[in-house]
């Protein structure tokens, strides 16, 4: 059974930064593509960023140049560094690994 646990969300002023972490257990993490998605109130879940086992990254246009996805295979963890944050980044952020999802962590950016 794969379990993904996110952490690092919170409340921050616009222009600030946060670093999300997602720890995976029960999976061959280092072989898989992992990613971050987000869902704002009243909107559909959308891709934020993905990273492959060879460190190839893909970003949504809305976060390019501001967010950085990375991974530590030894720690079975994927990260999302976010800065500078904007109010429109407010959402629940979800970690993804194949067909598995974390429970989500809330990021709220105040204007």
Foldseek 3Di string as FASTA:
>chain_A
DKAKAKDWADEEEAQDKIKMKIAIPDDQLLQWKKAKWWDAPPGDIGGAKIAGSVGDMDGDPVQPPFKDWDDDSVRRMIMIIGGRDDQVVFTWMWMDTVPDIHPTDTHGYHD
